Protein backbone atom coordinates (compact mmCIF):
# COMPACT_ATOMS: atom_id res chain seq x y z
CA MET A 1 7.78 -158.11 4.30
CA HIS A 2 4.29 -157.19 4.75
CA CYS A 3 5.13 -154.57 7.15
CA CYS A 4 7.71 -153.01 4.60
CA LYS A 5 5.04 -152.65 2.04
CA ASN A 6 2.52 -150.93 4.63
CA ILE A 7 5.43 -148.50 5.47
CA LYS A 8 6.14 -147.67 1.82
CA GLN A 9 2.27 -147.17 1.18
CA PHE A 10 2.26 -144.73 4.26
CA LEU A 11 5.33 -142.72 3.17
CA PHE A 12 3.98 -142.59 -0.28
CA GLY A 13 0.52 -141.51 0.76
CA GLY A 14 2.24 -138.94 3.36
CA LEU A 15 4.51 -137.52 0.77
CA LEU A 16 1.47 -137.22 -2.09
CA LEU A 17 -0.52 -135.42 0.60
CA LEU A 18 2.47 -133.16 1.52
CA PHE A 19 2.83 -132.24 -2.07
CA VAL A 20 -0.85 -131.28 -2.58
CA VAL A 21 -1.01 -129.16 0.47
CA THR A 22 2.24 -127.59 -0.39
CA ALA A 23 0.95 -126.92 -4.22
CA TRP A 24 -2.32 -125.60 -3.09
CA ALA A 25 -0.82 -123.36 -0.18
CA GLY A 26 1.66 -121.86 -2.49
CA ASN A 27 -0.46 -120.57 -5.30
CA SER A 28 -2.16 -117.25 -5.38
CA SER A 29 -5.62 -116.71 -7.01
CA LEU A 30 -8.20 -114.37 -8.03
CA ASN A 31 -12.03 -115.41 -8.52
CA ILE A 32 -14.71 -112.93 -9.27
CA LYS A 33 -17.87 -114.17 -7.32
CA ARG A 34 -20.33 -111.33 -8.48
CA ALA A 35 -20.67 -108.27 -10.42
CA GLU A 36 -23.60 -105.83 -11.08
CA ILE A 37 -24.11 -102.44 -12.51
CA GLN A 38 -26.34 -99.99 -11.05
CA ALA A 39 -27.69 -96.51 -12.39
CA GLN A 40 -26.52 -93.72 -10.01
CA GLU A 41 -27.56 -90.05 -11.37
CA ASP A 42 -26.36 -89.85 -14.50
CA ALA A 43 -24.00 -92.83 -14.83
CA TYR A 44 -23.71 -96.56 -14.08
CA VAL A 45 -21.62 -97.86 -11.50
CA LEU A 46 -19.91 -101.28 -11.16
CA ASN A 47 -19.99 -103.10 -7.84
CA ALA A 48 -18.06 -106.56 -7.62
CA ASP A 49 -16.85 -108.92 -5.10
CA VAL A 50 -13.58 -110.89 -6.00
CA ASP A 51 -12.15 -113.78 -3.94
CA MET A 52 -8.39 -113.18 -3.56
CA LYS A 53 -5.57 -115.37 -2.15
CA PHE A 54 -1.64 -114.52 -2.09
CA SER A 55 1.08 -116.97 -2.18
CA GLU A 56 3.69 -116.89 0.42
CA LYS A 57 5.98 -115.05 -1.91
CA ILE A 58 3.44 -112.30 -2.58
CA GLU A 59 2.88 -111.68 1.19
CA GLU A 60 6.62 -111.76 1.67
CA ALA A 61 7.15 -109.30 -1.13
CA ILE A 62 4.49 -106.88 0.39
CA SER A 63 5.80 -106.98 3.88
CA LYS A 64 9.30 -105.89 2.25
CA GLY A 65 7.76 -102.85 1.04
CA PHE A 66 7.44 -103.59 -2.83
CA GLU A 67 4.15 -102.13 -4.34
CA LEU A 68 1.79 -104.44 -6.08
CA ASN A 69 -0.60 -103.16 -8.77
CA PHE A 70 -3.86 -104.66 -10.04
CA LEU A 71 -5.80 -103.91 -12.94
CA ILE A 72 -9.65 -103.92 -12.90
CA GLU A 73 -11.02 -104.10 -16.55
CA PHE A 74 -14.49 -103.72 -17.26
CA GLN A 75 -16.08 -103.68 -20.80
CA LEU A 76 -19.47 -103.09 -22.05
CA ALA A 77 -20.39 -104.31 -25.58
CA LYS A 78 -23.36 -104.67 -27.89
CA PRO A 79 -23.64 -108.34 -29.48
CA ARG A 80 -23.56 -108.52 -33.11
CA LYS A 81 -24.86 -111.73 -34.86
CA TYR A 82 -22.45 -112.04 -37.64
CA TRP A 83 -19.56 -110.14 -36.61
CA PHE A 84 -17.56 -109.02 -33.46
CA ASP A 85 -19.40 -107.38 -30.76
CA ASP A 86 -19.37 -103.58 -30.83
CA GLU A 87 -17.49 -102.40 -27.90
CA ILE A 88 -19.21 -99.60 -26.47
CA VAL A 89 -17.15 -98.45 -23.48
CA THR A 90 -13.68 -100.14 -21.81
CA VAL A 91 -12.65 -99.01 -18.46
CA THR A 92 -9.23 -99.77 -16.46
CA GLN A 93 -8.84 -98.74 -12.82
CA ARG A 94 -5.35 -99.37 -11.26
CA VAL A 95 -5.41 -100.24 -7.42
CA ALA A 96 -2.13 -100.49 -5.61
CA LEU A 97 -1.37 -102.23 -2.62
CA SER A 98 1.83 -101.56 -0.37
CA TYR A 99 3.18 -101.86 3.18
CA HIS A 100 4.65 -98.80 4.91
CA ALA A 101 7.19 -99.88 7.15
CA LEU A 102 7.47 -96.74 9.31
CA SER A 103 3.81 -96.38 10.04
CA ARG A 104 3.45 -100.59 9.94
CA GLN A 105 0.35 -100.12 7.66
CA PHE A 106 -0.74 -101.68 4.67
CA LEU A 107 -2.03 -99.06 1.92
CA VAL A 108 -4.56 -99.52 -0.72
CA MET A 109 -4.74 -96.67 -3.45
CA ARG A 110 -7.28 -96.16 -6.03
CA GLY A 111 -6.39 -93.15 -7.89
CA GLU A 112 -6.20 -90.22 -5.41
CA GLN A 113 -7.68 -92.04 -2.51
CA GLN A 114 -5.59 -93.98 -0.04
CA LYS A 115 -6.89 -96.16 2.69
CA ALA A 116 -4.62 -97.61 5.55
CA PHE A 117 -4.95 -100.93 7.31
CA VAL A 118 -3.29 -102.52 10.24
CA ARG A 119 -3.53 -106.09 8.78
CA LEU A 120 -2.94 -107.57 5.50
CA ASP A 121 -6.13 -109.46 5.54
CA GLU A 122 -8.11 -106.22 6.14
CA ALA A 123 -6.17 -104.59 3.09
CA MET A 124 -7.24 -107.34 1.09
CA ASP A 125 -10.81 -107.33 1.99
CA ASP A 126 -10.90 -103.88 0.86
CA LEU A 127 -8.67 -104.63 -2.58
CA SER A 128 -11.45 -107.16 -3.39
CA ASP A 129 -14.43 -105.14 -2.96
CA ILE A 130 -15.10 -103.11 -5.93
CA SER A 131 -17.84 -100.57 -5.24
CA GLY A 132 -19.21 -97.51 -6.64
CA LEU A 133 -16.54 -97.77 -9.74
CA LYS A 134 -18.20 -95.46 -12.37
CA VAL A 135 -17.96 -97.25 -15.84
CA PHE A 136 -20.22 -95.31 -18.31
CA GLN A 137 -22.68 -92.52 -18.69
CA ILE A 138 -26.36 -93.27 -19.04
CA ALA A 139 -26.40 -91.24 -22.52
CA GLU A 140 -23.79 -93.62 -24.04
CA ILE A 141 -26.23 -96.66 -24.15
CA GLU A 142 -29.96 -97.09 -26.19
CA LYS A 143 -32.70 -98.17 -23.93
CA GLY A 144 -33.96 -101.44 -24.55
CA GLU A 145 -31.18 -102.59 -26.55
CA PRO A 146 -29.18 -105.92 -25.45
CA TYR A 147 -25.75 -105.57 -24.06
CA LYS A 148 -23.03 -107.92 -22.63
CA ALA A 149 -20.62 -106.84 -19.67
CA ALA A 150 -17.41 -108.50 -18.95
CA LEU A 151 -15.08 -108.03 -15.81
CA LEU A 152 -11.42 -108.94 -15.40
CA MET A 153 -9.18 -108.50 -12.34
CA ARG A 154 -5.32 -109.15 -12.51
CA LEU A 155 -2.06 -108.42 -11.27
CA ASP A 156 -0.02 -106.20 -13.48
CA THR A 157 3.40 -107.80 -13.52
CA LYS A 158 4.95 -105.17 -15.78
CA LYS A 159 4.64 -102.81 -13.03
CA LEU A 160 6.48 -105.20 -10.88
CA PRO A 161 9.87 -103.88 -9.57
CA ALA A 162 12.75 -105.31 -11.67
CA VAL A 163 13.90 -107.32 -8.78
CA LEU A 164 10.80 -109.15 -8.54
CA GLN A 165 9.98 -109.52 -12.33
CA GLY A 166 12.58 -112.37 -12.65
CA ASP A 167 10.82 -114.43 -10.39
CA ALA A 168 7.40 -113.79 -11.61
CA ILE A 169 8.35 -114.84 -15.14
CA GLY A 170 6.92 -118.67 -15.26
CA SER A 171 6.15 -118.74 -11.60
CA ASP A 172 2.57 -119.85 -10.46
CA ASP A 173 3.11 -117.61 -7.10
CA TRP A 174 2.78 -114.49 -9.25
CA LYS A 175 -0.05 -115.57 -11.59
CA MET A 176 -3.00 -113.59 -10.36
CA SER A 177 -5.69 -113.15 -12.95
CA SER A 178 -9.49 -113.81 -12.64
CA GLN A 179 -11.59 -115.57 -15.06
CA ARG A 180 -13.37 -113.20 -17.49
CA PHE A 181 -16.62 -112.61 -15.79
CA GLU A 182 -19.59 -112.14 -18.24
CA TRP A 183 -23.09 -111.24 -17.80
CA VAL A 184 -25.97 -109.68 -19.69
CA PRO A 185 -26.97 -106.54 -17.61
CA ASN A 186 -30.59 -105.10 -17.44
CA LEU A 187 -29.62 -101.68 -17.98
CA GLY A 188 -33.11 -100.08 -17.68
CA LYS A 189 -33.02 -100.56 -13.74
CA SER A 190 -30.95 -101.94 -11.05
CA GLU A 191 -29.51 -105.51 -12.04
CA SER A 192 -27.37 -108.38 -10.74
CA THR A 193 -25.86 -111.61 -11.87
CA LYS A 194 -26.81 -115.10 -11.07
């Protein structure tokens, strides 16, 4: 009798652990770790690091040659006390990730620029490194004024092929959107976030 109770507890604990590991391993995630704006010639550029994890379903879709499109959305606003913030600039960059079966390479495309990688983790490292993205001209801001910056990165599920869009609806495997990362930039000189 006592032995059956221990076996039931052991099986229950094992099933619970299996469920937790499966749920954790199956989900995709995007998390912005750091972001900064730096002056470069007559403009400001955005640099950021993103933690990125793909579910098995997303990795399988990439290996089958489906292209994934990610949106990097940056916004600079001037805070107002009694009204909505005054939006100064909004910039969106599209970054695509795909697999080319003939060359056996993973491709990351930013606008006209394309980079090729042998392994998926190398392509993901490049995809998660946002560097030198021109976001606004120095002439667009007033020196000494306070500003708020915000950054968001997400998978554009609307650009998924029709075959995958059905799977993406309501599935945690395809929910890839970072938190809205906000900070107060010091636009008089080079700055970074905490």
